[in-house]
C-alpha atoms as a PDB file:
ATOM      1  CA  MET A   1     -14.000 -23.682  16.167  1.00  0.00           C
ATOM      2  CA  GLU A   2     -14.184 -20.470  18.217  1.00  0.00           C
ATOM      3  CA  ASN A   3     -13.834 -17.195  16.978  1.00  0.00           C
ATOM      4  CA  LYS A   4     -11.497 -15.426  18.990  1.00  0.00           C
ATOM      5  CA  GLN A   5     -11.722 -11.950  17.945  1.00  0.00           C
ATOM      6  CA  LYS A   6     -11.528  -9.180  20.310  1.00  0.00           C
ATOM      7  CA  MET A   7     -13.655  -6.607  20.531  1.00  0.00           C
ATOM      8  CA  GLN A   8     -12.387  -2.730  20.693  1.00  0.00           C
ATOM      9  CA  PRO A   9     -13.257  -0.692  22.793  1.00  0.00           C
ATOM     10  CA  LYS A  10     -14.984   2.435  22.809  1.00  0.00           C
ATOM     11  CA  LEU A  11     -12.987   5.404  22.912  1.00  0.00           C
ATOM     12  CA  HIS A  12     -14.278   9.161  24.105  1.00  0.00           C
ATOM     13  CA  ILE A  13     -12.581  10.678  21.027  1.00  0.00           C
ATOM     14  CA  ARG A  14     -13.969  10.151  17.168  1.00  0.00           C
ATOM     15  CA  THR A  15     -12.555  11.204  13.900  1.00  0.00           C
ATOM     16  CA  GLY A  16     -14.238  14.339  13.064  1.00  0.00           C
ATOM     17  CA  ASP A  17     -14.060  15.769  16.831  1.00  0.00           C
ATOM     18  CA  THR A  18     -12.367  18.927  17.747  1.00  0.00           C
ATOM     19  CA  VAL A  19      -9.939  18.202  20.878  1.00  0.00           C
ATOM     20  CA  LYS A  20      -7.536  19.885  23.059  1.00  0.00           C
ATOM     21  CA  VAL A  21      -4.172  18.559  23.625  1.00  0.00           C
ATOM     22  CA  ILE A  22      -3.920  18.652  27.363  1.00  0.00           C
ATOM     23  CA  ALA A  23      -0.366  17.111  27.574  1.00  0.00           C
ATOM     24  CA  GLY A  24       2.792  17.149  25.665  1.00  0.00           C
ATOM     25  CA  ASN A  25       4.866  19.182  23.459  1.00  0.00           C
ATOM     26  CA  SER A  26       1.763  20.526  21.973  1.00  0.00           C
ATOM     27  CA  LYS A  27       0.257  21.075  24.917  1.00  0.00           C
ATOM     28  CA  GLY A  28      -2.659  23.439  24.746  1.00  0.00           C
ATOM     29  CA  LYS A  29      -3.404  23.207  21.143  1.00  0.00           C
ATOM     30  CA  THR A  30      -6.776  22.324  19.535  1.00  0.00           C
ATOM     31  CA  GLY A  31      -7.397  20.870  16.108  1.00  0.00           C
ATOM     32  CA  LYS A  32      -9.393  18.438  14.344  1.00  0.00           C
ATOM     33  CA  VAL A  33      -9.303  14.540  14.756  1.00  0.00           C
ATOM     34  CA  LEU A  34      -7.830  13.603  11.050  1.00  0.00           C
ATOM     35  CA  SER A  35      -8.101   9.652  12.096  1.00  0.00           C
ATOM     36  CA  VAL A  36      -8.153   7.191  15.068  1.00  0.00           C
ATOM     37  CA  LEU A  37      -6.021   4.563  15.303  1.00  0.00           C
ATOM     38  CA  VAL A  38      -8.028   2.105  17.434  1.00  0.00           C
ATOM     39  CA  LYS A  39      -5.735  -0.902  18.254  1.00  0.00           C
ATOM     40  CA  LYS A  40      -3.095   1.687  19.136  1.00  0.00           C
ATOM     41  CA  ASN A  41      -5.357   3.807  21.465  1.00  0.00           C
ATOM     42  CA  ARG A  42      -4.228   6.916  19.640  1.00  0.00           C
ATOM     43  CA  ALA A  43      -5.250   9.997  17.200  1.00  0.00           C
ATOM     44  CA  ILE A  44      -3.998  12.051  14.843  1.00  0.00           C
ATOM     45  CA  VAL A  45      -5.059  15.262  15.569  1.00  0.00           C
ATOM     46  CA  GLU A  46      -4.680  18.677  12.811  1.00  0.00           C
ATOM     47  CA  GLY A  47      -1.337  20.945  13.170  1.00  0.00           C
ATOM     48  CA  ALA A  48      -0.646  19.068  16.920  1.00  0.00           C
ATOM     49  CA  ASN A  49       2.798  17.182  17.012  1.00  0.00           C
ATOM     50  CA  MET A  50       4.552  17.632  13.938  1.00  0.00           C
ATOM     51  CA  ILE A  51       7.274  15.408  13.232  1.00  0.00           C
ATOM     52  CA  THR A  52       9.484  16.029  10.149  1.00  0.00           C
ATOM     53  CA  LYS A  53       9.673  13.321   7.531  1.00  0.00           C
ATOM     54  CA  HIS A  54      12.064  12.970   4.710  1.00  0.00           C
ATOM     55  CA  VAL A  55      11.079  11.547   1.956  1.00  0.00           C
ATOM     56  CA  LYS A  56      13.631   9.998  -1.008  1.00  0.00           C
ATOM     57  CA  PRO A  57      13.854  11.426  -4.505  1.00  0.00           C
ATOM     58  CA  ASN A  58      11.353   9.788  -6.986  1.00  0.00           C
ATOM     59  CA  ALA A  59      10.082  10.487 -10.305  1.00  0.00           C
ATOM     60  CA  GLN A  60       7.701  12.916  -8.893  1.00  0.00           C
ATOM     61  CA  SER A  61       9.994  14.886  -6.705  1.00  0.00           C
ATOM     62  CA  PRO A  62      13.705  14.230  -8.455  1.00  0.00           C
ATOM     63  CA  GLN A  63      15.138  16.103  -5.871  1.00  0.00           C
ATOM     64  CA  GLY A  64      13.899  14.607  -2.584  1.00  0.00           C
ATOM     65  CA  SER A  65      12.212  16.588   0.215  1.00  0.00           C
ATOM     66  CA  ILE A  66      11.721  17.028   4.261  1.00  0.00           C
ATOM     67  CA  GLU A  67       7.669  17.443   5.198  1.00  0.00           C
ATOM     68  CA  LYS A  68       6.396  18.372   8.036  1.00  0.00           C
ATOM     69  CA  GLN A  69       3.061  15.960   9.441  1.00  0.00           C
ATOM     70  CA  GLU A  70       1.200  15.135  11.801  1.00  0.00           C
ATOM     71  CA  GLY A  71       2.720  12.521  14.250  1.00  0.00           C
ATOM     72  CA  SER A  72      -0.035  10.564  16.735  1.00  0.00           C
ATOM     73  CA  ILE A  73      -0.705  11.236  20.083  1.00  0.00           C
ATOM     74  CA  HIS A  74      -2.512   9.059  23.122  1.00  0.00           C
ATOM     75  CA  ILE A  75      -5.881   9.236  23.256  1.00  0.00           C
ATOM     76  CA  SER A  76      -5.600  10.004  27.122  1.00  0.00           C
ATOM     77  CA  ASN A  77      -3.575  13.012  26.384  1.00  0.00           C
ATOM     78  CA  LEU A  78      -6.646  14.493  24.212  1.00  0.00           C
ATOM     79  CA  MET A  79      -9.962  16.271  25.418  1.00  0.00           C
ATOM     80  CA  VAL A  80     -13.210  16.694  23.441  1.00  0.00           C
ATOM     81  CA  VAL A  81     -13.928  20.549  23.147  1.00  0.00           C
ATOM     82  CA  ASP A  82     -18.274  20.889  24.077  1.00  0.00           C
ATOM     83  CA  PRO A  83     -19.271  23.079  20.702  1.00  0.00           C
ATOM     84  CA  ALA A  84     -21.733  24.763  22.507  1.00  0.00           C
ATOM     85  CA  THR A  85     -19.023  26.737  25.103  1.00  0.00           C
ATOM     86  CA  GLY A  86     -15.419  26.204  23.310  1.00  0.00           C
ATOM     87  CA  GLU A  87     -13.891  24.638  26.447  1.00  0.00           C
ATOM     88  CA  ALA A  88     -12.378  20.813  27.178  1.00  0.00           C
ATOM     89  CA  THR A  89     -14.557  18.856  28.559  1.00  0.00           C
ATOM     90  CA  ARG A  90     -15.001  15.327  29.825  1.00  0.00           C
ATOM     91  CA  THR A  91     -17.417  13.187  28.061  1.00  0.00           C
ATOM     92  CA  GLY A  92     -19.641  10.251  29.076  1.00  0.00           C
ATOM     93  CA  ARG A  93     -22.791   8.647  27.600  1.00  0.00           C
ATOM     94  CA  LYS A  94     -26.601   8.370  28.243  1.00  0.00           C
ATOM     95  CA  LEU A  95     -29.505   7.524  26.270  1.00  0.00           C
ATOM     96  CA  ASP A  96     -31.632  10.424  24.808  1.00  0.00           C
ATOM     97  CA  ASP A  97     -35.092  10.956  23.481  1.00  0.00           C
ATOM     98  CA  LYS A  98     -35.220   8.050  21.400  1.00  0.00           C
ATOM     99  CA  GLY A  99     -33.836   5.615  23.298  1.00  0.00           C
ATOM    100  CA  LYS A 100     -30.195   5.692  21.210  1.00  0.00           C
ATOM    101  CA  LEU A 101     -26.758   5.988  23.238  1.00  0.00           C
ATOM    102  CA  GLN A 102     -24.869   9.294  22.810  1.00  0.00           C
ATOM    103  CA  ARG A 103     -22.209  11.194  24.537  1.00  0.00           C
ATOM    104  CA  TYR A 104     -22.590  14.342  26.774  1.00  0.00           C
ATOM    105  CA  SER A 105     -20.673  16.599  27.838  1.00  0.00           C
ATOM    106  CA  LYS A 106     -20.471  16.463  31.234  1.00  0.00           C
ATOM    107  CA  LYS A 107     -19.676  20.256  32.014  1.00  0.00           C
ATOM    108  CA  THR A 108     -23.254  21.420  29.892  1.00  0.00           C
ATOM    109  CA  ASP A 109     -24.814  17.852  30.590  1.00  0.00           C
ATOM    110  CA  LYS A 110     -25.491  18.613  26.540  1.00  0.00           C
ATOM    111  CA  PHE A 111     -25.227  15.588  24.208  1.00  0.00           C
ATOM    112  CA  ILE A 112     -22.196  16.095  21.669  1.00  0.00           C
END
């Protein structure tokens, strides 16, 4: 039997990156990536795309409540913020001195 596992695509955004939202209701906001949903090509960004969630009553909160939390944003609507300049930049991959493939900023040509 063959193993028919699909390879996950390499994305330009990773958990922990600082990103800028370039489209949608949260356009212009910057925040830290909390998680990346690789299969859906989406990411959850701190403070962006806030949604309202209704919580049913339970033992901890007998009243129930309405909570605000971050919703996911499609990866194509996010750009990595260059740590050196603080501006949004496109990214690429190239080999560093040690022969390891790393991401770099196309604006400043420095490794991220």
